[in-house]
Amino acid sequence: MRNRLPLGLYVVAICQILPPLVLPPATLQEITPVVWILAVALSAILGVSLLRRRAWSRLATIFVQGFNIIVRLLYIIGHATRGARPGNPADVGTISVFLLSMILSGIVLYYVDQPDIQVIMQ
């Protein structure tokens, strides 16, 4: 008999698409439907694989969320010191949205890297 999966793993499997897609509203409107469909499909495949206890899905989740943090951090570093035009302050809204995305990715990474989840995924 298979052990039951923790509730947190279900939450991570369903909501892991959120951190990479936490973007400013103007950017969200520019995303084409093809990109939305691709992002949802890849996230669904990764989520189902997590629930089926595939070891590669845990590694892929770590890669996606870690890559999200790195990209957002590089963007913030580049835009925190300068705004859109010289003399303008940095875009605080974009920076705070990116910080939220990084925090959500960090939560997913923290949960997926727990020892009991590692044992379940082997």
PDB file of N, CA and C in Angstrom:
ATOM      1  N   MET A   1       0.833  -1.180   0.000  1.00  0.00           N
ATOM      2  CA  MET A   1       0.000   0.000   0.000  1.00  0.00           C
ATOM      3  C   MET A   1       0.881   1.249   0.000  1.00  0.00           C
ATOM      4  N   ARG A   2       0.543   2.183  -0.874  1.00  0.00           N
ATOM      5  CA  ARG A   2       1.325   3.409  -0.990  1.00  0.00           C
ATOM      6  C   ARG A   2       0.964   4.365   0.130  1.00  0.00           C
ATOM      7  N   ASN A   3       1.972   5.041   0.627  1.00  0.00           N
ATOM      8  CA  ASN A   3       1.737   6.050   1.644  1.00  0.00           C
ATOM      9  C   ASN A   3       1.031   7.247   1.032  1.00  0.00           C
ATOM     10  N   ARG A   4       0.262   7.924   1.857  1.00  0.00           N
ATOM     11  CA  ARG A   4      -0.412   9.131   1.388  1.00  0.00           C
ATOM     12  C   ARG A   4       0.593  10.256   1.229  1.00  0.00           C
ATOM     13  N   LEU A   5       0.375  11.078   0.228  1.00  0.00           N
ATOM     14  CA  LEU A   5       1.239  12.228   0.006  1.00  0.00           C
ATOM     15  C   LEU A   5       0.858  13.349   0.959  1.00  0.00           C
ATOM     16  N   PRO A   6       1.827  14.133   1.413  1.00  0.00           N
ATOM     17  CA  PRO A   6       1.507  15.270   2.270  1.00  0.00           C
ATOM     18  C   PRO A   6       0.678  16.313   1.513  1.00  0.00           C
ATOM     19  N   LEU A   7      -0.165  17.020   2.244  1.00  0.00           N
ATOM     20  CA  LEU A   7      -1.006  18.046   1.646  1.00  0.00           C
ATOM     21  C   LEU A   7      -0.166  19.132   0.980  1.00  0.00           C
ATOM     22  N   GLY A   8       0.968  19.463   1.592  1.00  0.00           N
ATOM     23  CA  GLY A   8       1.842  20.492   1.032  1.00  0.00           C
ATOM     24  C   GLY A   8       2.350  20.156  -0.349  1.00  0.00           C
ATOM     25  N   LEU A   9       2.555  18.881  -0.630  1.00  0.00           N
ATOM     26  CA  LEU A   9       3.014  18.476  -1.954  1.00  0.00           C
ATOM     27  C   LEU A   9       1.923  18.719  -2.999  1.00  0.00           C
ATOM     28  N   TYR A  10       0.676  18.512  -2.618  1.00  0.00           N
ATOM     29  CA  TYR A  10      -0.432  18.835  -3.520  1.00  0.00           C
ATOM     30  C   TYR A  10      -0.471  20.334  -3.807  1.00  0.00           C
ATOM     31  N   VAL A  11      -0.279  21.127  -2.767  1.00  0.00           N
ATOM     32  CA  VAL A  11      -0.295  22.585  -2.931  1.00  0.00           C
ATOM     33  C   VAL A  11       0.842  23.032  -3.842  1.00  0.00           C
ATOM     34  N   VAL A  12       2.036  22.478  -3.633  1.00  0.00           N
ATOM     35  CA  VAL A  12       3.187  22.818  -4.475  1.00  0.00           C
ATOM     36  C   VAL A  12       2.926  22.384  -5.913  1.00  0.00           C
ATOM     37  N   ALA A  13       2.385  21.202  -6.109  1.00  0.00           N
ATOM     38  CA  ALA A  13       2.138  20.695  -7.464  1.00  0.00           C
ATOM     39  C   ALA A  13       1.132  21.576  -8.211  1.00  0.00           C
ATOM     40  N   ILE A  14       0.135  22.066  -7.502  1.00  0.00           N
ATOM     41  CA  ILE A  14      -0.897  22.878  -8.151  1.00  0.00           C
ATOM     42  C   ILE A  14      -0.456  24.325  -8.337  1.00  0.00           C
ATOM     43  N   CYS A  15       0.214  24.876  -7.353  1.00  0.00           N
ATOM     44  CA  CYS A  15       0.515  26.310  -7.350  1.00  0.00           C
ATOM     45  C   CYS A  15       1.927  26.672  -7.793  1.00  0.00           C
ATOM     46  N   GLN A  16       2.707  25.734  -8.269  1.00  0.00           N
ATOM     47  CA  GLN A  16       4.077  26.067  -8.634  1.00  0.00           C
ATOM     48  C   GLN A  16       4.179  26.943  -9.875  1.00  0.00           C
ATOM     49  N   ILE A  17       3.094  27.090 -10.610  1.00  0.00           N
ATOM     50  CA  ILE A  17       3.119  27.969 -11.774  1.00  0.00           C
ATOM     51  C   ILE A  17       3.048  29.441 -11.363  1.00  0.00           C
ATOM     52  N   LEU A  18       2.578  29.713 -10.154  1.00  0.00           N
ATOM     53  CA  LEU A  18       2.382  31.094  -9.735  1.00  0.00           C
ATOM     54  C   LEU A  18       3.662  31.925  -9.652  1.00  0.00           C
ATOM     55  N   PRO A  19       4.724  31.466  -8.975  1.00  0.00           N
ATOM     56  CA  PRO A  19       5.898  32.343  -8.866  1.00  0.00           C
ATOM     57  C   PRO A  19       6.486  32.809 -10.199  1.00  0.00           C
ATOM     58  N   PRO A  20       6.654  31.931 -11.200  1.00  0.00           N
ATOM     59  CA  PRO A  20       7.199  32.452 -12.465  1.00  0.00           C
ATOM     60  C   PRO A  20       6.257  33.407 -13.190  1.00  0.00           C
ATOM     61  N   LEU A  21       4.951  33.297 -12.933  1.00  0.00           N
ATOM     62  CA  LEU A  21       4.001  34.151 -13.631  1.00  0.00           C
ATOM     63  C   LEU A  21       3.553  35.362 -12.824  1.00  0.00           C
ATOM     64  N   VAL A  22       4.151  35.606 -11.668  1.00  0.00           N
ATOM     65  CA  VAL A  22       3.873  36.832 -10.929  1.00  0.00           C
ATOM     66  C   VAL A  22       4.649  37.934 -11.635  1.00  0.00           C
ATOM     67  N   LEU A  23       3.920  38.698 -12.430  1.00  0.00           N
ATOM     68  CA  LEU A  23       4.515  39.747 -13.246  1.00  0.00           C
ATOM     69  C   LEU A  23       3.693  41.020 -13.107  1.00  0.00           C
ATOM     70  N   PRO A  24       4.265  42.160 -13.458  1.00  0.00           N
ATOM     71  CA  PRO A  24       3.472  43.394 -13.457  1.00  0.00           C
ATOM     72  C   PRO A  24       2.294  43.270 -14.430  1.00  0.00           C
ATOM     73  N   PRO A  25       1.175  43.949 -14.137  1.00  0.00           N
ATOM     74  CA  PRO A  25      -0.013  43.822 -14.998  1.00  0.00           C
ATOM     75  C   PRO A  25       0.242  44.151 -16.470  1.00  0.00           C
ATOM     76  N   ALA A  26       1.077  45.137 -16.756  1.00  0.00           N
ATOM     77  CA  ALA A  26       1.353  45.484 -18.151  1.00  0.00           C
ATOM     78  C   ALA A  26       2.031  44.333 -18.883  1.00  0.00           C
ATOM     79  N   THR A  27       2.912  43.631 -18.210  1.00  0.00           N
ATOM     80  CA  THR A  27       3.602  42.489 -18.821  1.00  0.00           C
ATOM     81  C   THR A  27       2.642  41.324 -19.019  1.00  0.00           C
ATOM     82  N   LEU A  28       1.751  41.102 -18.070  1.00  0.00           N
ATOM     83  CA  LEU A  28       0.781  40.009 -18.202  1.00  0.00           C
ATOM     84  C   LEU A  28      -0.116  40.186 -19.419  1.00  0.00           C
ATOM     85  N   GLN A  29      -0.468  41.436 -19.728  1.00  0.00           N
ATOM     86  CA  GLN A  29      -1.329  41.696 -20.885  1.00  0.00           C
ATOM     87  C   GLN A  29      -0.612  41.452 -22.204  1.00  0.00           C
ATOM     88  N   GLU A  30       0.709  41.535 -22.197  1.00  0.00           N
ATOM     89  CA  GLU A  30       1.480  41.356 -23.428  1.00  0.00           C
ATOM     90  C   GLU A  30       1.763  39.888 -23.757  1.00  0.00           C
ATOM     91  N   ILE A  31       1.523  38.987 -22.812  1.00  0.00           N
ATOM     92  CA  ILE A  31       1.805  37.572 -23.045  1.00  0.00           C
ATOM     93  C   ILE A  31       0.758  36.991 -23.988  1.00  0.00           C
ATOM     94  N   THR A  32       1.212  36.309 -25.023  1.00  0.00           N
ATOM     95  CA  THR A  32       0.302  35.738 -26.014  1.00  0.00           C
ATOM     96  C   THR A  32      -0.349  34.467 -25.461  1.00  0.00           C
ATOM     97  N   PRO A  33      -1.506  34.087 -26.000  1.00  0.00           N
ATOM     98  CA  PRO A  33      -2.171  32.858 -25.544  1.00  0.00           C
ATOM     99  C   PRO A  33      -1.320  31.607 -25.723  1.00  0.00           C
ATOM    100  N   VAL A  34      -0.470  31.568 -26.733  1.00  0.00           N
ATOM    101  CA  VAL A  34       0.385  30.404 -26.958  1.00  0.00           C
ATOM    102  C   VAL A  34       1.342  30.226 -25.777  1.00  0.00           C
ATOM    103  N   VAL A  35       1.889  31.317 -25.289  1.00  0.00           N
ATOM    104  CA  VAL A  35       2.812  31.253 -24.152  1.00  0.00           C
ATOM    105  C   VAL A  35       2.054  30.810 -22.901  1.00  0.00           C
ATOM    106  N   TRP A  36       0.831  31.310 -22.709  1.00  0.00           N
ATOM    107  CA  TRP A  36       0.012  30.881 -21.564  1.00  0.00           C
ATOM    108  C   TRP A  36      -0.247  29.384 -21.610  1.00  0.00           C
ATOM    109  N   ILE A  37      -0.645  28.894 -22.782  1.00  0.00           N
ATOM    110  CA  ILE A  37      -0.944  27.464 -22.933  1.00  0.00           C
ATOM    111  C   ILE A  37       0.305  26.634 -22.679  1.00  0.00           C
ATOM    112  N   LEU A  38       1.442  27.062 -23.203  1.00  0.00           N
ATOM    113  CA  LEU A  38       2.696  26.346 -22.995  1.00  0.00           C
ATOM    114  C   LEU A  38       3.085  26.330 -21.511  1.00  0.00           C
ATOM    115  N   ALA A  39       2.966  27.460 -20.849  1.00  0.00           N
ATOM    116  CA  ALA A  39       3.321  27.534 -19.424  1.00  0.00           C
ATOM    117  C   ALA A  39       2.409  26.651 -18.573  1.00  0.00           C
ATOM    118  N   VAL A  40       1.122  26.668 -18.857  1.00  0.00           N
ATOM    119  CA  VAL A  40       0.184  25.848 -18.094  1.00  0.00           C
ATOM    120  C   VAL A  40       0.418  24.366 -18.373  1.00  0.00           C
ATOM    121  N   ALA A  41       0.673  24.010 -19.621  1.00  0.00           N
ATOM    122  CA  ALA A  41       0.911  22.606 -19.969  1.00  0.00           C
ATOM    123  C   ALA A  41       2.171  22.072 -19.297  1.00  0.00           C
ATOM    124  N   LEU A  42       3.250  22.830 -19.352  1.00  0.00           N
ATOM    125  CA  LEU A  42       4.491  22.388 -18.711  1.00  0.00           C
ATOM    126  C   LEU A  42       4.342  22.296 -17.197  1.00  0.00           C
ATOM    127  N   SER A  43       3.624  23.252 -16.625  1.00  0.00           N
ATOM    128  CA  SER A  43       3.388  23.214 -15.181  1.00  0.00           C
ATOM    129  C   SER A  43       2.516  22.026 -14.802  1.00  0.00           C
ATOM    130  N   ALA A  44       1.530  21.708 -15.630  1.00  0.00           N
ATOM    131  CA  ALA A  44       0.668  20.561 -15.357  1.00  0.00           C
ATOM    132  C   ALA A  44       1.456  19.249 -15.425  1.00  0.00           C
ATOM    133  N   ILE A  45       2.306  19.128 -16.421  1.00  0.00           N
ATOM    134  CA  ILE A  45       3.143  17.922 -16.529  1.00  0.00           C
ATOM    135  C   ILE A  45       4.041  17.788 -15.305  1.00  0.00           C
ATOM    136  N   LEU A  46       4.644  18.883 -14.894  1.00  0.00           N
ATOM    137  CA  LEU A  46       5.525  18.864 -13.736  1.00  0.00           C
ATOM    138  C   LEU A  46       4.748  18.567 -12.456  1.00  0.00           C
ATOM    139  N   GLY A  47       3.551  19.141 -12.322  1.00  0.00           N
ATOM    140  CA  GLY A  47       2.733  18.897 -11.138  1.00  0.00           C
ATOM    141  C   GLY A  47       2.265  17.454 -11.033  1.00  0.00           C
ATOM    142  N   VAL A  48       1.814  16.886 -12.147  1.00  0.00           N
ATOM    143  CA  VAL A  48       1.373  15.489 -12.143  1.00  0.00           C
ATOM    144  C   VAL A  48       2.542  14.566 -11.836  1.00  0.00           C
ATOM    145  N   SER A  49       3.706  14.890 -12.386  1.00  0.00           N
ATOM    146  CA  SER A  49       4.889  14.068 -12.115  1.00  0.00           C
ATOM    147  C   SER A  49       5.307  14.149 -10.649  1.00  0.00           C
ATOM    148  N   LEU A  50       5.148  15.311 -10.031  1.00  0.00           N
ATOM    149  CA  LEU A  50       5.420  15.426  -8.594  1.00  0.00           C
ATOM    150  C   LEU A  50       4.486  14.527  -7.798  1.00  0.00           C
ATOM    151  N   LEU A  51       3.223  14.527  -8.160  1.00  0.00           N
ATOM    152  CA  LEU A  51       2.247  13.710  -7.436  1.00  0.00           C
ATOM    153  C   LEU A  51       2.449  12.217  -7.691  1.00  0.00           C
ATOM    154  N   ARG A  52       3.078  11.879  -8.795  1.00  0.00           N
ATOM    155  CA  ARG A  52       3.392  10.478  -9.074  1.00  0.00           C
ATOM    156  C   ARG A  52       4.753  10.069  -8.522  1.00  0.00           C
ATOM    157  N   ARG A  53       5.360  10.969  -7.780  1.00  0.00           N
ATOM    158  CA  ARG A  53       6.636  10.720  -7.085  1.00  0.00           C
ATOM    159  C   ARG A  53       7.796  10.445  -8.027  1.00  0.00           C
ATOM    160  N   ARG A  54       7.851  11.151  -9.122  1.00  0.00           N
ATOM    161  CA  ARG A  54       8.976  11.017 -10.041  1.00  0.00           C
ATOM    162  C   ARG A  54      10.137  11.856  -9.512  1.00  0.00           C
ATOM    163  N   ALA A  55      11.311  11.272  -9.391  1.00  0.00           N
ATOM    164  CA  ALA A  55      12.467  11.979  -8.846  1.00  0.00           C
ATOM    165  C   ALA A  55      12.872  13.164  -9.730  1.00  0.00           C
ATOM    166  N   TRP A  56      12.753  13.008 -11.045  1.00  0.00           N
ATOM    167  CA  TRP A  56      13.138  14.091 -11.946  1.00  0.00           C
ATOM    168  C   TRP A  56      12.249  15.309 -11.776  1.00  0.00           C
ATOM    169  N   SER A  57      11.003  15.116 -11.367  1.00  0.00           N
ATOM    170  CA  SER A  57      10.104  16.257 -11.225  1.00  0.00           C
ATOM    171  C   SER A  57      10.514  17.143 -10.053  1.00  0.00           C
ATOM    172  N   ARG A  58      11.055  16.543  -9.005  1.00  0.00           N
ATOM    173  CA  ARG A  58      11.556  17.333  -7.886  1.00  0.00           C
ATOM    174  C   ARG A  58      12.750  18.173  -8.334  1.00  0.00           C
ATOM    175  N   LEU A  59      13.646  17.571  -9.099  1.00  0.00           N
ATOM    176  CA  LEU A  59      14.800  18.297  -9.614  1.00  0.00           C
ATOM    177  C   LEU A  59      14.371  19.393 -10.596  1.00  0.00           C
ATOM    178  N   ALA A  60      13.387  19.106 -11.426  1.00  0.00           N
ATOM    179  CA  ALA A  60      12.893  20.111 -12.371  1.00  0.00           C
ATOM    180  C   ALA A  60      12.229  21.270 -11.640  1.00  0.00           C
ATOM    181  N   THR A  61      11.504  20.968 -10.565  1.00  0.00           N
ATOM    182  CA  THR A  61      10.887  22.016  -9.770  1.00  0.00           C
ATOM    183  C   THR A  61      11.955  22.900  -9.140  1.00  0.00           C
ATOM    184  N   ILE A  62      12.993  22.287  -8.610  1.00  0.00           N
ATOM    185  CA  ILE A  62      14.094  23.057  -8.027  1.00  0.00           C
ATOM    186  C   ILE A  62      14.748  23.930  -9.094  1.00  0.00           C
ATOM    187  N   PHE A  63      14.939  23.395 -10.285  1.00  0.00           N
ATOM    188  CA  PHE A  63      15.550  24.165 -11.370  1.00  0.00           C
ATOM    189  C   PHE A  63      14.672  25.348 -11.761  1.00  0.00           C
ATOM    190  N   VAL A  64      13.389  25.112 -11.981  1.00  0.00           N
ATOM    191  CA  VAL A  64      12.485  26.181 -12.430  1.00  0.00           C
ATOM    192  C   VAL A  64      12.395  27.288 -11.377  1.00  0.00           C
ATOM    193  N   GLN A  65      12.200  26.911 -10.127  1.00  0.00           N
ATOM    194  CA  GLN A  65      12.049  27.922  -9.082  1.00  0.00           C
ATOM    195  C   GLN A  65      13.377  28.638  -8.807  1.00  0.00           C
ATOM    196  N   GLY A  66      14.473  27.912  -8.833  1.00  0.00           N
ATOM    197  CA  GLY A  66      15.775  28.541  -8.650  1.00  0.00           C
ATOM    198  C   GLY A  66      16.118  29.488  -9.787  1.00  0.00           C
ATOM    199  N   PHE A  67      15.804  29.076 -11.002  1.00  0.00           N
ATOM    200  CA  PHE A  67      16.037  29.928 -12.160  1.00  0.00           C
ATOM    201  C   PHE A  67      15.184  31.187 -12.074  1.00  0.00           C
ATOM    202  N   ASN A  68      13.952  31.045 -11.592  1.00  0.00           N
ATOM    203  CA  ASN A  68      13.079  32.194 -11.408  1.00  0.00           C
ATOM    204  C   ASN A  68      13.704  33.195 -10.436  1.00  0.00           C
ATOM    205  N   ILE A  69      14.232  32.701  -9.331  1.00  0.00           N
ATOM    206  CA  ILE A  69      14.858  33.590  -8.350  1.00  0.00           C
ATOM    207  C   ILE A  69      16.070  34.302  -8.958  1.00  0.00           C
ATOM    208  N   ILE A  70      16.903  33.571  -9.685  1.00  0.00           N
ATOM    209  CA  ILE A  70      18.110  34.162 -10.268  1.00  0.00           C
ATOM    210  C   ILE A  70      17.754  35.239 -11.291  1.00  0.00           C
ATOM    211  N   VAL A  71      16.797  34.960 -12.168  1.00  0.00           N
ATOM    212  CA  VAL A  71      16.411  35.930 -13.196  1.00  0.00           C
ATOM    213  C   VAL A  71      15.824  37.179 -12.556  1.00  0.00           C
ATOM    214  N   ARG A  72      14.955  36.995 -11.580  1.00  0.00           N
ATOM    215  CA  ARG A  72      14.344  38.163 -10.913  1.00  0.00           C
ATOM    216  C   ARG A  72      15.398  38.971 -10.157  1.00  0.00           C
ATOM    217  N   LEU A  73      16.324  38.307  -9.512  1.00  0.00           N
ATOM    218  CA  LEU A  73      17.382  39.002  -8.781  1.00  0.00           C
ATOM    219  C   LEU A  73      18.251  39.823  -9.738  1.00  0.00           C
ATOM    220  N   LEU A  74      18.595  39.241 -10.881  1.00  0.00           N
ATOM    221  CA  LEU A  74      19.389  39.976 -11.861  1.00  0.00           C
ATOM    222  C   LEU A  74      18.624  41.189 -12.395  1.00  0.00           C
ATOM    223  N   TYR A  75      17.333  41.043 -12.591  1.00  0.00           N
ATOM    224  CA  TYR A  75      16.530  42.170 -13.057  1.00  0.00           C
ATOM    225  C   TYR A  75      16.499  43.270 -11.999  1.00  0.00           C
ATOM    226  N   ILE A  76      16.292  42.892 -10.745  1.00  0.00           N
ATOM    227  CA  ILE A  76      16.229  43.891  -9.673  1.00  0.00           C
ATOM    228  C   ILE A  76      17.566  44.607  -9.534  1.00  0.00           C
ATOM    229  N   ILE A  77      18.658  43.877  -9.597  1.00  0.00           N
ATOM    230  CA  ILE A  77      19.982  44.500  -9.480  1.00  0.00           C
ATOM    231  C   ILE A  77      20.194  45.511 -10.605  1.00  0.00           C
ATOM    232  N   GLY A  78      19.761  45.169 -11.792  1.00  0.00           N
ATOM    233  CA  GLY A  78      19.934  46.078 -12.920  1.00  0.00           C
ATOM    234  C   GLY A  78      19.015  47.282 -12.895  1.00  0.00           C
ATOM    235  N   HIS A  79      17.856  47.150 -12.271  1.00  0.00           N
ATOM    236  CA  HIS A  79      16.877  48.231 -12.302  1.00  0.00           C
ATOM    237  C   HIS A  79      16.674  48.936 -10.968  1.00  0.00           C
ATOM    238  N   ALA A  80      17.315  48.499  -9.929  1.00  0.00           N
ATOM    239  CA  ALA A  80      17.136  49.138  -8.627  1.00  0.00           C
ATOM    240  C   ALA A  80      17.864  50.476  -8.558  1.00  0.00           C
ATOM    241  N   THR A  81      18.922  50.628  -9.329  1.00  0.00           N
ATOM    242  CA  THR A  81      19.698  51.860  -9.256  1.00  0.00           C
ATOM    243  C   THR A  81      19.260  52.889 -10.285  1.00  0.00           C
ATOM    244  N   ARG A  82      18.485  52.462 -11.273  1.00  0.00           N
ATOM    245  CA  ARG A  82      18.052  53.426 -12.278  1.00  0.00           C
ATOM    246  C   ARG A  82      16.610  53.137 -12.676  1.00  0.00           C
ATOM    247  N   GLY A  83      15.899  54.165 -13.019  1.00  0.00           N
ATOM    248  CA  GLY A  83      14.528  54.024 -13.460  1.00  0.00           C
ATOM    249  C   GLY A  83      14.473  53.867 -14.959  1.00  0.00           C
ATOM    250  N   ALA A  84      13.302  54.107 -15.517  1.00  0.00           N
ATOM    251  CA  ALA A  84      13.135  53.971 -16.953  1.00  0.00           C
ATOM    252  C   ALA A  84      13.912  55.055 -17.706  1.00  0.00           C
ATOM    253  N   ARG A  85      13.961  56.264 -17.138  1.00  0.00           N
ATOM    254  CA  ARG A  85      14.706  57.367 -17.742  1.00  0.00           C
ATOM    255  C   ARG A  85      15.700  57.929 -16.728  1.00  0.00           C
ATOM    256  N   PRO A  86      16.769  58.531 -17.187  1.00  0.00           N
ATOM    257  CA  PRO A  86      17.734  59.111 -16.244  1.00  0.00           C
ATOM    258  C   PRO A  86      17.061  60.138 -15.332  1.00  0.00           C
ATOM    259  N   GLY A  87      17.384  60.062 -14.065  1.00  0.00           N
ATOM    260  CA  GLY A  87      16.816  60.975 -13.086  1.00  0.00           C
ATOM    261  C   GLY A  87      15.545  60.466 -12.438  1.00  0.00           C
ATOM    262  N   ASN A  88      14.944  59.407 -12.994  1.00  0.00           N
ATOM    263  CA  ASN A  88      13.732  58.830 -12.418  1.00  0.00           C
ATOM    264  C   ASN A  88      14.095  57.771 -11.396  1.00  0.00           C
ATOM    265  N   PRO A  89      13.305  57.641 -10.350  1.00  0.00           N
ATOM    266  CA  PRO A  89      13.566  56.558  -9.390  1.00  0.00           C
ATOM    267  C   PRO A  89      13.219  55.205 -10.006  1.00  0.00           C
ATOM    268  N   ALA A  90      13.662  54.169  -9.358  1.00  0.00           N
ATOM    269  CA  ALA A  90      13.372  52.811  -9.824  1.00  0.00           C
ATOM    270  C   ALA A  90      11.875  52.538  -9.731  1.00  0.00           C
ATOM    271  N   ASP A  91      11.396  51.648 -10.542  1.00  0.00           N
ATOM    272  CA  ASP A  91       9.986  51.261 -10.550  1.00  0.00           C
ATOM    273  C   ASP A  91       9.713  50.374  -9.342  1.00  0.00           C
ATOM    274  N   VAL A  92       9.195  50.964  -8.286  1.00  0.00           N
ATOM    275  CA  VAL A  92       8.981  50.258  -7.027  1.00  0.00           C
ATOM    276  C   VAL A  92       7.936  49.155  -7.193  1.00  0.00           C
ATOM    277  N   GLY A  93       6.924  49.376  -8.025  1.00  0.00           N
ATOM    278  CA  GLY A  93       5.887  48.366  -8.241  1.00  0.00           C
ATOM    279  C   GLY A  93       6.453  47.092  -8.842  1.00  0.00           C
ATOM    280  N   THR A  94       7.270  47.243  -9.877  1.00  0.00           N
ATOM    281  CA  THR A  94       7.877  46.078 -10.519  1.00  0.00           C
ATOM    282  C   THR A  94       8.818  45.360  -9.571  1.00  0.00           C
ATOM    283  N   ILE A  95       9.611  46.113  -8.845  1.00  0.00           N
ATOM    284  CA  ILE A  95      10.553  45.505  -7.918  1.00  0.00           C
ATOM    285  C   ILE A  95       9.822  44.751  -6.812  1.00  0.00           C
ATOM    286  N   SER A  96       8.728  45.303  -6.297  1.00  0.00           N
ATOM    287  CA  SER A  96       7.987  44.605  -5.236  1.00  0.00           C
ATOM    288  C   SER A  96       7.281  43.364  -5.764  1.00  0.00           C
ATOM    289  N   VAL A  97       6.787  43.397  -7.008  1.00  0.00           N
ATOM    290  CA  VAL A  97       6.181  42.206  -7.614  1.00  0.00           C
ATOM    291  C   VAL A  97       7.233  41.120  -7.791  1.00  0.00           C
ATOM    292  N   PHE A  98       8.426  41.507  -8.213  1.00  0.00           N
ATOM    293  CA  PHE A  98       9.499  40.535  -8.389  1.00  0.00           C
ATOM    294  C   PHE A  98       9.957  39.969  -7.048  1.00  0.00           C
ATOM    295  N   LEU A  99       9.992  40.797  -6.010  1.00  0.00           N
ATOM    296  CA  LEU A  99      10.340  40.289  -4.682  1.00  0.00           C
ATOM    297  C   LEU A  99       9.298  39.277  -4.203  1.00  0.00           C
ATOM    298  N   LEU A 100       8.019  39.544  -4.469  1.00  0.00           N
ATOM    299  CA  LEU A 100       6.962  38.590  -4.116  1.00  0.00           C
ATOM    300  C   LEU A 100       7.170  37.269  -4.847  1.00  0.00           C
ATOM    301  N   SER A 101       7.502  37.335  -6.120  1.00  0.00           N
ATOM    302  CA  SER A 101       7.760  36.128  -6.900  1.00  0.00           C
ATOM    303  C   SER A 101       8.937  35.344  -6.333  1.00  0.00           C
ATOM    304  N   MET A 102       9.983  36.048  -5.942  1.00  0.00           N
ATOM    305  CA  MET A 102      11.158  35.385  -5.373  1.00  0.00           C
ATOM    306  C   MET A 102      10.814  34.726  -4.037  1.00  0.00           C
ATOM    307  N   ILE A 103       9.996  35.370  -3.231  1.00  0.00           N
ATOM    308  CA  ILE A 103       9.594  34.796  -1.944  1.00  0.00           C
ATOM    309  C   ILE A 103       8.769  33.539  -2.162  1.00  0.00           C
ATOM    310  N   LEU A 104       7.830  33.576  -3.104  1.00  0.00           N
ATOM    311  CA  LEU A 104       7.022  32.391  -3.400  1.00  0.00           C
ATOM    312  C   LEU A 104       7.879  31.238  -3.917  1.00  0.00           C
ATOM    313  N   SER A 105       8.847  31.538  -4.778  1.00  0.00           N
ATOM    314  CA  SER A 105       9.754  30.501  -5.272  1.00  0.00           C
ATOM    315  C   SER A 105      10.580  29.936  -4.125  1.00  0.00           C
ATOM    316  N   GLY A 106      11.008  30.797  -3.212  1.00  0.00           N
ATOM    317  CA  GLY A 106      11.770  30.341  -2.054  1.00  0.00           C
ATOM    318  C   GLY A 106      10.967  29.406  -1.168  1.00  0.00           C
ATOM    319  N   ILE A 107       9.666  29.693  -1.016  1.00  0.00           N
ATOM    320  CA  ILE A 107       8.800  28.816  -0.219  1.00  0.00           C
ATOM    321  C   ILE A 107       8.678  27.447  -0.874  1.00  0.00           C
ATOM    322  N   VAL A 108       8.493  27.433  -2.205  1.00  0.00           N
ATOM    323  CA  VAL A 108       8.401  26.159  -2.927  1.00  0.00           C
ATOM    324  C   VAL A 108       9.713  25.385  -2.790  1.00  0.00           C
ATOM    325  N   LEU A 109      10.826  26.072  -2.960  1.00  0.00           N
ATOM    326  CA  LEU A 109      12.130  25.413  -2.829  1.00  0.00           C
ATOM    327  C   LEU A 109      12.339  24.860  -1.426  1.00  0.00           C
ATOM    328  N   TYR A 110      11.968  25.630  -0.426  1.00  0.00           N
ATOM    329  CA  TYR A 110      12.126  25.183   0.957  1.00  0.00           C
ATOM    330  C   TYR A 110      11.318  23.920   1.204  1.00  0.00           C
ATOM    331  N   TYR A 111      10.082  23.900   0.717  1.00  0.00           N
ATOM    332  CA  TYR A 111       9.230  22.730   0.967  1.00  0.00           C
ATOM    333  C   TYR A 111       9.729  21.498   0.219  1.00  0.00           C
ATOM    334  N   VAL A 112      10.082  21.663  -1.044  1.00  0.00           N
ATOM    335  CA  VAL A 112      10.504  20.525  -1.863  1.00  0.00           C
ATOM    336  C   VAL A 112      11.833  19.957  -1.368  1.00  0.00           C
ATOM    337  N   ASP A 113      12.630  20.772  -0.686  1.00  0.00           N
ATOM    338  CA  ASP A 113      13.934  20.326  -0.222  1.00  0.00           C
ATOM    339  C   ASP A 113      13.893  19.749   1.195  1.00  0.00           C
ATOM    340  N   GLN A 114      12.721  19.587   1.766  1.00  0.00           N
ATOM    341  CA  GLN A 114      12.605  18.982   3.095  1.00  0.00           C
ATOM    342  C   GLN A 114      12.983  17.498   3.028  1.00  0.00           C
ATOM    343  N   PRO A 115      13.612  16.973   4.092  1.00  0.00           N
ATOM    344  CA  PRO A 115      14.048  15.567   4.068  1.00  0.00           C
ATOM    345  C   PRO A 115      12.907  14.573   3.839  1.00  0.00           C
ATOM    346  N   ASP A 116      11.738  14.815   4.435  1.00  0.00           N
ATOM    347  CA  ASP A 116      10.643  13.857   4.237  1.00  0.00           C
ATOM    348  C   ASP A 116      10.136  13.860   2.794  1.00  0.00           C
ATOM    349  N   ILE A 117      10.170  15.009   2.132  1.00  0.00           N
ATOM    350  CA  ILE A 117       9.775  15.067   0.728  1.00  0.00           C
ATOM    351  C   ILE A 117      10.833  14.385  -0.139  1.00  0.00           C
ATOM    352  N   GLN A 118      12.103  14.569   0.199  1.00  0.00           N
ATOM    353  CA  GLN A 118      13.161  13.889  -0.540  1.00  0.00           C
ATOM    354  C   GLN A 118      13.013  12.389  -0.464  1.00  0.00           C
ATOM    355  N   VAL A 119      12.656  11.870   0.709  1.00  0.00           N
ATOM    356  CA  VAL A 119      12.467  10.426   0.882  1.00  0.00           C
ATOM    357  C   VAL A 119      11.275   9.950   0.073  1.00  0.00           C
ATOM    358  N   ILE A 120      10.200  10.704   0.087  1.00  0.00           N
ATOM    359  CA  ILE A 120       8.999  10.327  -0.662  1.00  0.00           C
ATOM    360  C   ILE A 120       9.287  10.273  -2.167  1.00  0.00           C
ATOM    361  N   MET A 121      10.115  11.194  -2.649  1.00  0.00           N
ATOM    362  CA  MET A 121      10.355  11.307  -4.089  1.00  0.00           C
ATOM    363  C   MET A 121      11.386  10.312  -4.611  1.00  0.00           C
ATOM    364  N   GLN A 122      12.011   9.526  -3.763  1.00  0.00           N
ATOM    365  CA  GLN A 122      13.021   8.573  -4.233  1.00  0.00           C
ATOM    366  C   GLN A 122      12.382   7.303  -4.726  1.00  0.00           C
TER     367      GLN A 122
END
